[in-house]
Amino acid sequence: MARQRATAGQLAGREPRVASLKRETAETNVSVTVNLDGEGVYDVSTGNGFLDHMVNQIARHGLFDITLHAKGDLETGWHHLVEDVAIMLGRAFHEALGEPIGIRRMGHAIVPLDEALAMVVVDCSGRPYSVVETTLDGTMVETLPGDLVRHFLESFATEARINLHAKVLAGVSPHHKAEALCKALARALRDAVEPDPRAPGQVPSTKGTLNA
């Protein structure tokens, strides 16, 4: 008889934390669904292969199920598309998390990829703030301008309403640096949103809420 693995949401005795959002502007059209209690399944199509790769890494290593389809005014460059994908991914993450009761709240990860090493620390505090050092500005990361990797992380943090510190500690390959950052973000977020078995019904704050 086949056995099904329980998700984090089921283990916590609650429904999976899921959000679906759509946004259409004169510049982009983005639809996204995020399941924080998933298995790392992804269906991502943005028109930029490396941007797809970044979101795929967040899904796979965070064990988040992410479906994200986006189109943009690419004749102006990649900025609008990358920014709006990050905005909508962050908003969906925040909505899926809801009132963060019984979670660990904070997480961190240091992730290597060959010669590259990246560190990410997150706090699902409800107070958006980011400090991001990618060492990628002025370079190309495959099909993506390097400064947009930083902008993606900053925009995601703002809309997810998290405190994010991200830094490339070592590396040569721009691809490896960016991918290590996304993997580290995924693992840090995974730790932060997973149920805390020692405080299942508590808001991890002396204020009693993280949404005010």
N, C-alpha and C. Protein backbone atom coordinates (compact mmCIF):
# COMPACT_ATOMS: atom_id res chain seq x y z
N MET A 1 0.85 -1.20 0.00
CA MET A 1 0.00 0.00 0.00
C MET A 1 0.88 1.24 0.00
N ALA A 2 0.62 2.16 -0.93
CA ALA A 2 1.45 3.36 -1.05
C ALA A 2 1.24 4.27 0.15
N ARG A 3 2.34 4.86 0.61
CA ARG A 3 2.28 5.80 1.72
C ARG A 3 2.54 7.19 1.20
N GLN A 4 1.78 8.15 1.67
CA GLN A 4 1.97 9.54 1.28
C GLN A 4 2.69 10.28 2.39
N ARG A 5 3.68 11.08 2.00
CA ARG A 5 4.42 11.85 2.98
C ARG A 5 3.61 13.06 3.42
N ALA A 6 3.50 13.26 4.72
CA ALA A 6 2.75 14.40 5.24
C ALA A 6 3.53 15.68 4.99
N THR A 7 2.83 16.74 4.59
CA THR A 7 3.46 18.03 4.41
C THR A 7 3.59 18.72 5.75
N ALA A 8 4.34 19.83 5.75
CA ALA A 8 4.52 20.58 7.00
C ALA A 8 3.19 21.08 7.53
N GLY A 9 2.30 21.52 6.61
CA GLY A 9 1.00 22.01 7.04
C GLY A 9 0.16 20.92 7.68
N GLN A 10 0.19 19.73 7.10
CA GLN A 10 -0.57 18.62 7.67
C GLN A 10 -0.01 18.21 9.02
N LEU A 11 1.30 18.22 9.14
CA LEU A 11 1.91 17.86 10.41
C LEU A 11 1.53 18.85 11.50
N ALA A 12 1.29 20.08 11.13
CA ALA A 12 0.90 21.10 12.10
C ALA A 12 -0.60 21.10 12.35
N GLY A 13 -1.34 20.21 11.68
CA GLY A 13 -2.78 20.13 11.88
C GLY A 13 -3.55 21.27 11.27
N ARG A 14 -3.05 21.80 10.15
CA ARG A 14 -3.75 22.91 9.51
C ARG A 14 -3.73 22.74 8.01
N GLU A 15 -4.56 23.52 7.35
CA GLU A 15 -4.61 23.48 5.90
C GLU A 15 -3.31 24.05 5.32
N PRO A 16 -2.90 23.58 4.15
CA PRO A 16 -1.70 24.14 3.51
C PRO A 16 -1.83 25.65 3.32
N ARG A 17 -0.74 26.33 3.46
CA ARG A 17 -0.71 27.80 3.32
C ARG A 17 -0.46 28.14 1.86
N VAL A 18 -1.53 28.58 1.19
CA VAL A 18 -1.51 28.77 -0.26
C VAL A 18 -2.07 30.14 -0.60
N ALA A 19 -1.50 30.79 -1.62
CA ALA A 19 -2.04 32.04 -2.13
C ALA A 19 -1.89 32.07 -3.65
N SER A 20 -2.91 32.60 -4.33
CA SER A 20 -2.87 32.78 -5.78
C SER A 20 -3.20 34.23 -6.09
N LEU A 21 -2.36 34.86 -6.90
CA LEU A 21 -2.54 36.27 -7.23
C LEU A 21 -2.31 36.50 -8.72
N LYS A 22 -2.99 37.53 -9.25
CA LYS A 22 -2.77 37.95 -10.63
C LYS A 22 -2.65 39.48 -10.65
N ARG A 23 -1.83 39.96 -11.56
CA ARG A 23 -1.66 41.41 -11.69
C ARG A 23 -1.32 41.73 -13.14
N GLU A 24 -2.09 42.64 -13.73
CA GLU A 24 -1.84 43.07 -15.11
C GLU A 24 -1.71 44.57 -15.13
N THR A 25 -0.59 45.05 -15.69
CA THR A 25 -0.36 46.47 -15.87
C THR A 25 -0.03 46.74 -17.33
N ALA A 26 0.25 47.98 -17.64
CA ALA A 26 0.65 48.32 -19.00
C ALA A 26 2.02 47.76 -19.34
N GLU A 27 2.76 47.30 -18.31
CA GLU A 27 4.12 46.81 -18.53
C GLU A 27 4.24 45.28 -18.45
N THR A 28 3.48 44.67 -17.54
CA THR A 28 3.62 43.23 -17.35
C THR A 28 2.29 42.57 -17.02
N ASN A 29 2.27 41.26 -17.16
CA ASN A 29 1.14 40.43 -16.77
C ASN A 29 1.71 39.23 -16.00
N VAL A 30 1.39 39.15 -14.72
CA VAL A 30 1.99 38.12 -13.87
C VAL A 30 0.90 37.39 -13.10
N SER A 31 0.96 36.06 -13.11
CA SER A 31 0.09 35.24 -12.27
C SER A 31 0.98 34.29 -11.47
N VAL A 32 0.64 34.10 -10.19
CA VAL A 32 1.49 33.27 -9.33
C VAL A 32 0.65 32.55 -8.29
N THR A 33 1.02 31.32 -8.01
CA THR A 33 0.46 30.55 -6.91
C THR A 33 1.62 30.00 -6.10
N VAL A 34 1.56 30.19 -4.78
CA VAL A 34 2.60 29.72 -3.87
C VAL A 34 1.96 28.85 -2.79
N ASN A 35 2.51 27.68 -2.60
CA ASN A 35 2.12 26.79 -1.51
C ASN A 35 3.34 26.60 -0.61
N LEU A 36 3.29 27.18 0.58
CA LEU A 36 4.43 27.11 1.49
C LEU A 36 4.63 25.71 2.06
N ASP A 37 3.61 24.88 1.98
CA ASP A 37 3.67 23.52 2.52
C ASP A 37 3.72 22.50 1.39
N GLY A 38 4.47 22.81 0.37
CA GLY A 38 4.53 21.95 -0.80
C GLY A 38 5.68 20.96 -0.76
N GLU A 39 6.09 20.54 -1.94
CA GLU A 39 7.14 19.54 -2.08
C GLU A 39 8.24 19.99 -3.03
N GLY A 40 8.27 21.28 -3.35
CA GLY A 40 9.30 21.80 -4.24
C GLY A 40 8.97 21.65 -5.70
N VAL A 41 7.67 21.58 -6.03
CA VAL A 41 7.23 21.46 -7.42
C VAL A 41 7.12 22.86 -8.03
N TYR A 42 7.58 23.03 -9.26
CA TYR A 42 7.55 24.35 -9.88
C TYR A 42 7.13 24.28 -11.34
N ASP A 43 6.44 25.33 -11.77
CA ASP A 43 6.05 25.53 -13.16
C ASP A 43 6.21 27.02 -13.42
N VAL A 44 7.37 27.40 -13.94
CA VAL A 44 7.75 28.80 -14.03
C VAL A 44 8.10 29.16 -15.47
N SER A 45 7.48 30.22 -15.96
CA SER A 45 7.76 30.70 -17.32
C SER A 45 7.66 32.22 -17.34
N THR A 46 8.82 32.87 -17.50
CA THR A 46 8.85 34.33 -17.48
C THR A 46 9.36 34.94 -18.78
N GLY A 47 9.93 34.11 -19.65
CA GLY A 47 10.56 34.64 -20.85
C GLY A 47 12.04 34.86 -20.69
N ASN A 48 12.55 34.75 -19.45
CA ASN A 48 13.98 34.87 -19.20
C ASN A 48 14.45 33.58 -18.52
N GLY A 49 15.31 32.85 -19.18
CA GLY A 49 15.72 31.54 -18.68
C GLY A 49 16.37 31.59 -17.32
N PHE A 50 17.20 32.60 -17.07
CA PHE A 50 17.87 32.63 -15.77
C PHE A 50 16.93 33.07 -14.66
N LEU A 51 16.00 33.96 -14.96
CA LEU A 51 14.99 34.33 -13.97
C LEU A 51 14.15 33.10 -13.60
N ASP A 52 13.78 32.31 -14.61
CA ASP A 52 13.08 31.04 -14.33
C ASP A 52 13.92 30.18 -13.39
N HIS A 53 15.20 30.10 -13.67
CA HIS A 53 16.12 29.27 -12.89
C HIS A 53 16.17 29.73 -11.43
N MET A 54 16.17 31.04 -11.22
CA MET A 54 16.20 31.58 -9.86
C MET A 54 14.95 31.18 -9.08
N VAL A 55 13.79 31.35 -9.69
CA VAL A 55 12.54 31.01 -9.01
C VAL A 55 12.44 29.50 -8.79
N ASN A 56 12.90 28.72 -9.78
CA ASN A 56 12.91 27.26 -9.62
C ASN A 56 13.74 26.84 -8.42
N GLN A 57 14.89 27.48 -8.22
CA GLN A 57 15.74 27.14 -7.08
C GLN A 57 15.05 27.46 -5.75
N ILE A 58 14.33 28.57 -5.70
CA ILE A 58 13.60 28.94 -4.48
C ILE A 58 12.54 27.89 -4.16
N ALA A 59 11.84 27.45 -5.20
CA ALA A 59 10.81 26.41 -5.00
C ALA A 59 11.43 25.09 -4.56
N ARG A 60 12.42 24.64 -5.29
CA ARG A 60 12.97 23.30 -5.04
C ARG A 60 13.62 23.19 -3.67
N HIS A 61 14.42 24.18 -3.31
CA HIS A 61 15.18 24.07 -2.06
C HIS A 61 14.42 24.61 -0.85
N GLY A 62 13.34 25.35 -1.10
CA GLY A 62 12.47 25.76 0.00
C GLY A 62 11.34 24.80 0.25
N LEU A 63 11.19 23.82 -0.66
CA LEU A 63 10.04 22.91 -0.65
C LEU A 63 8.73 23.68 -0.73
N PHE A 64 8.75 24.73 -1.55
CA PHE A 64 7.54 25.49 -1.86
C PHE A 64 7.07 25.08 -3.25
N ASP A 65 5.78 24.88 -3.43
CA ASP A 65 5.23 24.67 -4.77
C ASP A 65 4.95 26.05 -5.37
N ILE A 66 5.53 26.33 -6.52
CA ILE A 66 5.36 27.64 -7.15
C ILE A 66 4.95 27.47 -8.61
N THR A 67 3.83 28.06 -8.97
CA THR A 67 3.43 28.20 -10.36
C THR A 67 3.47 29.69 -10.68
N LEU A 68 4.25 30.07 -11.68
CA LEU A 68 4.41 31.49 -11.99
C LEU A 68 4.56 31.65 -13.49
N HIS A 69 3.65 32.43 -14.08
CA HIS A 69 3.71 32.74 -15.50
C HIS A 69 3.72 34.26 -15.65
N ALA A 70 4.63 34.76 -16.48
CA ALA A 70 4.75 36.21 -16.61
C ALA A 70 5.14 36.59 -18.04
N LYS A 71 4.61 37.72 -18.46
CA LYS A 71 4.99 38.33 -19.74
C LYS A 71 5.20 39.82 -19.48
N GLY A 72 6.12 40.40 -20.28
CA GLY A 72 6.41 41.81 -20.07
C GLY A 72 6.80 42.53 -21.34
N ASP A 73 6.98 43.84 -21.20
CA ASP A 73 7.36 44.70 -22.33
C ASP A 73 8.88 44.61 -22.52
N LEU A 74 9.32 43.50 -23.09
CA LEU A 74 10.74 43.19 -23.15
C LEU A 74 11.52 44.14 -24.06
N GLU A 75 10.83 44.91 -24.88
CA GLU A 75 11.53 45.87 -25.73
C GLU A 75 12.21 46.95 -24.89
N THR A 76 11.79 47.10 -23.64
CA THR A 76 12.42 48.08 -22.75
C THR A 76 13.52 47.47 -21.89
N GLY A 77 13.75 46.17 -22.05
CA GLY A 77 14.74 45.49 -21.21
C GLY A 77 14.04 44.57 -20.21
N TRP A 78 14.81 44.03 -19.27
CA TRP A 78 14.30 43.03 -18.34
C TRP A 78 13.81 43.62 -17.02
N HIS A 79 14.03 44.90 -16.79
CA HIS A 79 13.77 45.48 -15.47
C HIS A 79 12.33 45.33 -15.01
N HIS A 80 11.39 45.72 -15.84
CA HIS A 80 9.97 45.66 -15.45
C HIS A 80 9.55 44.24 -15.13
N LEU A 81 9.96 43.30 -15.95
CA LEU A 81 9.56 41.91 -15.76
C LEU A 81 10.14 41.35 -14.46
N VAL A 82 11.43 41.55 -14.24
CA VAL A 82 12.08 41.02 -13.03
C VAL A 82 11.46 41.65 -11.79
N GLU A 83 11.27 42.96 -11.82
CA GLU A 83 10.70 43.65 -10.66
C GLU A 83 9.29 43.15 -10.35
N ASP A 84 8.45 43.02 -11.38
CA ASP A 84 7.07 42.62 -11.13
C ASP A 84 6.95 41.15 -10.74
N VAL A 85 7.82 40.31 -11.27
CA VAL A 85 7.84 38.91 -10.82
C VAL A 85 8.20 38.85 -9.33
N ALA A 86 9.20 39.62 -8.92
CA ALA A 86 9.60 39.64 -7.51
C ALA A 86 8.49 40.21 -6.63
N ILE A 87 7.83 41.25 -7.10
CA ILE A 87 6.73 41.86 -6.35
C ILE A 87 5.62 40.85 -6.12
N MET A 88 5.20 40.18 -7.18
CA MET A 88 4.08 39.25 -7.05
C MET A 88 4.46 37.99 -6.27
N LEU A 89 5.69 37.52 -6.43
CA LEU A 89 6.14 36.37 -5.65
C LEU A 89 6.18 36.74 -4.17
N GLY A 90 6.65 37.94 -3.85
CA GLY A 90 6.68 38.38 -2.47
C GLY A 90 5.29 38.55 -1.88
N ARG A 91 4.39 39.13 -2.64
CA ARG A 91 3.02 39.30 -2.15
C ARG A 91 2.34 37.97 -1.90
N ALA A 92 2.56 37.02 -2.81
CA ALA A 92 1.96 35.69 -2.64
C ALA A 92 2.54 34.99 -1.42
N PHE A 93 3.83 35.14 -1.21
CA PHE A 93 4.47 34.56 -0.03
C PHE A 93 3.86 35.14 1.25
N HIS A 94 3.69 36.45 1.29
CA HIS A 94 3.13 37.10 2.47
C HIS A 94 1.70 36.68 2.71
N GLU A 95 0.91 36.61 1.63
CA GLU A 95 -0.49 36.22 1.79
C GLU A 95 -0.61 34.76 2.21
N ALA A 96 0.22 33.91 1.64
CA ALA A 96 0.18 32.49 2.01
C ALA A 96 0.56 32.28 3.47
N LEU A 97 1.51 33.06 3.96
CA LEU A 97 1.95 32.92 5.35
C LEU A 97 0.86 33.33 6.33
N GLY A 98 0.09 34.37 5.96
CA GLY A 98 -1.00 34.82 6.83
C GLY A 98 -0.48 35.29 8.18
N GLU A 99 -1.30 35.11 9.22
CA GLU A 99 -0.84 35.43 10.57
C GLU A 99 0.16 34.36 10.99
N PRO A 100 1.42 34.72 11.17
CA PRO A 100 2.47 33.72 11.38
C PRO A 100 2.47 33.15 12.80
N ILE A 101 1.51 32.28 13.05
CA ILE A 101 1.40 31.63 14.36
C ILE A 101 2.11 30.28 14.32
N GLY A 102 2.93 30.02 15.33
CA GLY A 102 3.55 28.72 15.46
C GLY A 102 4.70 28.44 14.52
N ILE A 103 5.28 29.48 13.91
CA ILE A 103 6.42 29.28 13.04
C ILE A 103 7.71 29.67 13.75
N ARG A 104 8.83 29.29 13.16
CA ARG A 104 10.12 29.63 13.75
C ARG A 104 10.45 31.10 13.57
N ARG A 105 9.91 31.72 12.55
CA ARG A 105 10.03 33.14 12.22
C ARG A 105 11.36 33.51 11.57
N MET A 106 12.47 33.06 12.10
CA MET A 106 13.78 33.41 11.56
C MET A 106 14.47 32.18 10.99
N GLY A 107 15.30 32.41 9.99
CA GLY A 107 16.05 31.32 9.40
C GLY A 107 17.31 31.86 8.74
N HIS A 108 18.28 31.00 8.59
CA HIS A 108 19.51 31.40 7.93
C HIS A 108 20.12 30.21 7.21
N ALA A 109 20.93 30.49 6.20
CA ALA A 109 21.60 29.43 5.46
C ALA A 109 22.87 29.97 4.83
N ILE A 110 23.90 29.15 4.82
CA ILE A 110 25.12 29.42 4.07
C ILE A 110 25.27 28.28 3.07
N VAL A 111 25.25 28.63 1.79
CA VAL A 111 25.17 27.62 0.73
C VAL A 111 26.34 27.76 -0.25
N PRO A 112 27.05 26.66 -0.52
CA PRO A 112 28.12 26.69 -1.52
C PRO A 112 27.63 26.22 -2.88
N LEU A 113 28.27 26.69 -3.90
CA LEU A 113 28.10 26.13 -5.24
C LEU A 113 29.46 26.22 -5.92
N ASP A 114 30.17 25.11 -5.91
CA ASP A 114 31.56 25.09 -6.39
C ASP A 114 32.38 26.16 -5.65
N GLU A 115 32.93 27.13 -6.38
CA GLU A 115 33.79 28.14 -5.73
C GLU A 115 33.00 29.25 -5.04
N ALA A 116 31.69 29.31 -5.28
CA ALA A 116 30.86 30.39 -4.73
C ALA A 116 30.29 30.01 -3.37
N LEU A 117 30.08 31.01 -2.54
CA LEU A 117 29.50 30.81 -1.21
C LEU A 117 28.59 32.00 -0.92
N ALA A 118 27.35 31.71 -0.53
CA ALA A 118 26.39 32.79 -0.26
C ALA A 118 25.74 32.57 1.09
N MET A 119 25.44 33.68 1.76
CA MET A 119 24.77 33.66 3.06
C MET A 119 23.47 34.46 2.97
N VAL A 120 22.40 33.89 3.52
CA VAL A 120 21.12 34.60 3.60
C VAL A 120 20.55 34.40 4.99
N VAL A 121 20.07 35.49 5.57
CA VAL A 121 19.39 35.47 6.87
C VAL A 121 18.06 36.17 6.69
N VAL A 122 16.96 35.56 7.17
CA VAL A 122 15.64 36.16 7.03
C VAL A 122 14.92 36.19 8.38
N ASP A 123 14.04 37.17 8.50
CA ASP A 123 13.16 37.29 9.65
C ASP A 123 11.78 37.65 9.12
N CYS A 124 10.82 36.75 9.29
CA CYS A 124 9.44 37.03 8.85
C CYS A 124 8.78 37.91 9.90
N SER A 125 9.25 39.12 9.96
CA SER A 125 8.92 40.06 11.04
C SER A 125 7.72 40.92 10.74
N GLY A 126 7.30 40.97 9.47
CA GLY A 126 6.26 41.92 9.08
C GLY A 126 6.81 43.30 8.80
N ARG A 127 8.11 43.48 8.98
CA ARG A 127 8.77 44.77 8.73
C ARG A 127 9.76 44.61 7.58
N PRO A 128 9.41 45.06 6.39
CA PRO A 128 10.28 44.85 5.23
C PRO A 128 11.56 45.67 5.31
N TYR A 129 12.67 44.98 5.12
CA TYR A 129 13.98 45.65 5.10
C TYR A 129 14.94 44.69 4.41
N SER A 130 15.88 45.22 3.65
CA SER A 130 16.84 44.34 2.98
C SER A 130 18.20 44.99 2.90
N VAL A 131 19.20 44.16 3.07
CA VAL A 131 20.60 44.54 2.84
C VAL A 131 21.17 43.44 1.95
N VAL A 132 21.47 43.78 0.70
CA VAL A 132 21.84 42.77 -0.29
C VAL A 132 23.17 43.15 -0.94
N GLU A 133 24.13 42.25 -0.86
CA GLU A 133 25.45 42.43 -1.48
C GLU A 133 25.72 41.22 -2.37
N THR A 134 25.54 41.40 -3.67
CA THR A 134 25.68 40.27 -4.61
C THR A 134 27.03 40.23 -5.32
N THR A 135 27.72 41.36 -5.38
CA THR A 135 28.94 41.54 -6.18
C THR A 135 28.68 41.31 -7.67
N LEU A 136 27.42 41.42 -8.09
CA LEU A 136 27.06 41.14 -9.48
C LEU A 136 26.73 42.38 -10.30
N ASP A 137 26.65 43.54 -9.68
CA ASP A 137 26.35 44.76 -10.43
C ASP A 137 27.42 44.98 -11.51
N GLY A 138 26.96 45.34 -12.70
CA GLY A 138 27.90 45.59 -13.79
C GLY A 138 28.31 44.36 -14.56
N THR A 139 27.72 43.20 -14.22
CA THR A 139 28.02 41.96 -14.93
C THR A 139 26.73 41.39 -15.51
N MET A 140 26.87 40.44 -16.40
CA MET A 140 25.72 39.69 -16.89
C MET A 140 25.72 38.31 -16.25
N VAL A 141 24.54 37.89 -15.79
CA VAL A 141 24.37 36.54 -15.27
C VAL A 141 23.57 35.78 -16.32
N GLU A 142 24.27 35.13 -17.21
CA GLU A 142 23.65 34.50 -18.37
C GLU A 142 22.82 35.54 -19.13
N THR A 143 21.48 35.44 -19.07
CA THR A 143 20.63 36.37 -19.83
C THR A 143 20.15 37.54 -19.00
N LEU A 144 20.62 37.66 -17.76
CA LEU A 144 20.07 38.65 -16.83
C LEU A 144 21.15 39.63 -16.36
N PRO A 145 20.90 40.94 -16.46
CA PRO A 145 21.86 41.90 -15.89
C PRO A 145 22.02 41.66 -14.38
N GLY A 146 23.26 41.66 -13.92
CA GLY A 146 23.55 41.32 -12.53
C GLY A 146 22.87 42.20 -11.51
N ASP A 147 22.69 43.50 -11.82
CA ASP A 147 22.06 44.39 -10.85
C ASP A 147 20.60 43.99 -10.59
N LEU A 148 19.99 43.26 -11.54
CA LEU A 148 18.60 42.84 -11.36
C LEU A 148 18.47 41.66 -10.38
N VAL A 149 19.56 40.94 -10.15
CA VAL A 149 19.53 39.91 -9.11
C VAL A 149 19.35 40.58 -7.76
N ARG A 150 20.11 41.64 -7.52
CA ARG A 150 19.94 42.40 -6.27
C ARG A 150 18.55 43.00 -6.19
N HIS A 151 18.08 43.59 -7.28
CA HIS A 151 16.77 44.24 -7.27
C HIS A 151 15.65 43.22 -7.05
N PHE A 152 15.81 42.03 -7.61
CA PHE A 152 14.83 40.96 -7.39
C PHE A 152 14.72 40.64 -5.91
N LEU A 153 15.84 40.45 -5.24
CA LEU A 153 15.84 40.11 -3.82
C LEU A 153 15.26 41.23 -2.97
N GLU A 154 15.63 42.47 -3.30
CA GLU A 154 15.12 43.61 -2.54
C GLU A 154 13.61 43.76 -2.72
N SER A 155 13.12 43.62 -3.95
CA SER A 155 11.69 43.75 -4.22
C SER A 155 10.90 42.63 -3.57
N PHE A 156 11.44 41.41 -3.61
CA PHE A 156 10.78 40.29 -2.94
C PHE A 156 10.66 40.55 -1.44
N ALA A 157 11.74 41.00 -0.82
CA ALA A 157 11.72 41.24 0.62
C ALA A 157 10.70 42.30 1.00
N THR A 158 10.60 43.35 0.20
CA THR A 158 9.65 44.43 0.48
C THR A 158 8.22 43.91 0.46
N GLU A 159 7.86 43.16 -0.58
CA GLU A 159 6.48 42.70 -0.73
C GLU A 159 6.16 41.50 0.17
N ALA A 160 7.16 40.69 0.49
CA ALA A 160 6.95 39.58 1.43
C ALA A 160 6.91 40.06 2.87
N ARG A 161 7.31 41.31 3.07
CA ARG A 161 7.36 41.94 4.40
C ARG A 161 8.27 41.15 5.33
N ILE A 162 9.47 40.88 4.81
CA ILE A 162 10.47 40.19 5.61
C ILE A 162 11.73 41.06 5.73
N ASN A 163 12.52 40.77 6.73
CA ASN A 163 13.85 41.34 6.87
C ASN A 163 14.81 40.37 6.20
N LEU A 164 15.55 40.85 5.23
CA LEU A 164 16.44 40.00 4.44
C LEU A 164 17.84 40.57 4.42
N HIS A 165 18.80 39.74 4.82
CA HIS A 165 20.21 40.06 4.65
C HIS A 165 20.81 38.97 3.76
N ALA A 166 21.37 39.38 2.64
CA ALA A 166 21.92 38.43 1.67
C ALA A 166 23.29 38.92 1.22
N LYS A 167 24.26 38.00 1.19
CA LYS A 167 25.61 38.41 0.83
C LYS A 167 26.36 37.26 0.16
N VAL A 168 27.02 37.56 -0.95
CA VAL A 168 27.94 36.61 -1.57
C VAL A 168 29.27 36.72 -0.83
N LEU A 169 29.70 35.62 -0.24
CA LEU A 169 30.92 35.60 0.56
C LEU A 169 32.16 35.29 -0.27
N ALA A 170 31.97 34.53 -1.36
CA ALA A 170 33.10 34.17 -2.22
C ALA A 170 32.54 33.73 -3.56
N GLY A 171 33.40 33.77 -4.58
CA GLY A 171 32.96 33.26 -5.86
C GLY A 171 33.61 33.96 -7.03
N VAL A 172 33.56 33.31 -8.19
CA VAL A 172 34.07 33.85 -9.44
C VAL A 172 32.97 33.90 -10.48
N SER A 173 32.27 32.79 -10.68
CA SER A 173 31.22 32.70 -11.69
C SER A 173 29.98 33.47 -11.27
N PRO A 174 29.51 34.42 -12.09
CA PRO A 174 28.26 35.12 -11.77
C PRO A 174 27.08 34.16 -11.63
N HIS A 175 27.03 33.13 -12.48
CA HIS A 175 25.96 32.14 -12.40
C HIS A 175 25.97 31.45 -11.03
N HIS A 176 27.14 31.02 -10.61
CA HIS A 176 27.24 30.32 -9.32
C HIS A 176 26.87 31.23 -8.16
N LYS A 177 27.29 32.48 -8.21
CA LYS A 177 26.96 33.42 -7.13
C LYS A 177 25.45 33.61 -7.01
N ALA A 178 24.80 33.87 -8.15
CA ALA A 178 23.35 34.12 -8.13
C ALA A 178 22.58 32.87 -7.71
N GLU A 179 22.99 31.71 -8.21
CA GLU A 179 22.29 30.49 -7.87
C GLU A 179 22.47 30.15 -6.39
N ALA A 180 23.67 30.35 -5.86
CA ALA A 180 23.90 30.11 -4.44
C ALA A 180 23.05 31.02 -3.59
N LEU A 181 22.89 32.27 -4.00
CA LEU A 181 22.03 33.20 -3.28
C LEU A 181 20.58 32.71 -3.22
N CYS A 182 20.07 32.22 -4.36
CA CYS A 182 18.69 31.76 -4.41
C CYS A 182 18.49 30.50 -3.59
N LYS A 183 19.47 29.60 -3.63
CA LYS A 183 19.37 28.40 -2.81
C LYS A 183 19.42 28.75 -1.32
N ALA A 184 20.28 29.69 -0.97
CA ALA A 184 20.37 30.11 0.44
C ALA A 184 19.08 30.79 0.89
N LEU A 185 18.50 31.62 0.01
CA LEU A 185 17.22 32.24 0.33
C LEU A 185 16.16 31.17 0.57
N ALA A 186 16.12 30.17 -0.29
CA ALA A 186 15.13 29.10 -0.16
C ALA A 186 15.27 28.38 1.17
N ARG A 187 16.49 28.00 1.53
CA ARG A 187 16.69 27.25 2.77
C ARG A 187 16.40 28.10 4.00
N ALA A 188 16.76 29.38 3.94
CA ALA A 188 16.47 30.27 5.07
C ALA A 188 14.97 30.47 5.25
N LEU A 189 14.24 30.68 4.13
CA LEU A 189 12.79 30.83 4.20
C LEU A 189 12.12 29.55 4.69
N ARG A 190 12.61 28.42 4.20
CA ARG A 190 12.05 27.13 4.63
C ARG A 190 12.14 26.99 6.15
N ASP A 191 13.29 27.29 6.71
CA ASP A 191 13.45 27.20 8.16
C ASP A 191 12.55 28.18 8.88
N ALA A 192 12.42 29.39 8.34
CA ALA A 192 11.66 30.44 9.01
C ALA A 192 10.17 30.14 9.07
N VAL A 193 9.61 29.54 8.02
CA VAL A 193 8.16 29.36 7.97
C VAL A 193 7.71 28.00 8.48
N GLU A 194 8.65 27.10 8.75
CA GLU A 194 8.25 25.78 9.23
C GLU A 194 7.72 25.85 10.66
N PRO A 195 6.79 24.96 11.03
CA PRO A 195 6.22 24.96 12.37
C PRO A 195 7.29 24.75 13.44
N ASP A 196 7.15 25.48 14.53
CA ASP A 196 8.02 25.32 15.69
C ASP A 196 7.34 24.34 16.65
N PRO A 197 7.85 23.13 16.81
CA PRO A 197 7.17 22.14 17.64
C PRO A 197 7.11 22.52 19.11
N ARG A 198 7.93 23.47 19.53
CA ARG A 198 7.92 23.88 20.93
C ARG A 198 6.95 25.03 21.21
N ALA A 199 6.44 25.64 20.13
CA ALA A 199 5.52 26.78 20.31
C ALA A 199 4.44 26.74 19.23
N PRO A 200 3.64 25.67 19.17
CA PRO A 200 2.72 25.47 18.04
C PRO A 200 1.61 26.50 17.94
N GLY A 201 1.20 27.11 19.05
CA GLY A 201 0.09 28.05 18.99
C GLY A 201 0.48 29.47 19.31
N GLN A 202 1.77 29.76 19.27
CA GLN A 202 2.25 31.06 19.70
C GLN A 202 2.71 31.92 18.53
N VAL A 203 2.48 33.23 18.66
CA VAL A 203 3.07 34.19 17.73
C VAL A 203 4.48 34.48 18.23
N PRO A 204 5.49 34.29 17.40
CA PRO A 204 6.87 34.47 17.86
C PRO A 204 7.27 35.93 17.98
N SER A 205 6.59 36.63 18.87
CA SER A 205 6.87 38.05 19.10
C SER A 205 6.32 38.47 20.44
N THR A 206 7.01 39.34 21.14
CA THR A 206 6.48 39.85 22.41
C THR A 206 5.31 40.80 22.18
N LYS A 207 5.13 41.28 20.93
CA LYS A 207 3.99 42.15 20.62
C LYS A 207 2.69 41.38 20.54
N GLY A 208 2.79 40.06 20.29
CA GLY A 208 1.59 39.25 20.12
C GLY A 208 1.08 39.21 18.70
N THR A 209 1.76 39.92 17.78
CA THR A 209 1.38 39.88 16.37
C THR A 209 2.60 40.27 15.53
N LEU A 210 2.64 39.77 14.30
CA LEU A 210 3.68 40.17 13.36
C LEU A 210 3.08 40.84 12.14
N ASN A 211 1.80 41.15 12.20
CA ASN A 211 1.12 41.79 11.08
C ASN A 211 0.62 43.17 11.43
N ALA A 212 1.22 43.80 12.41
CA ALA A 212 0.80 45.15 12.79
C ALA A 212 2.00 45.96 13.22
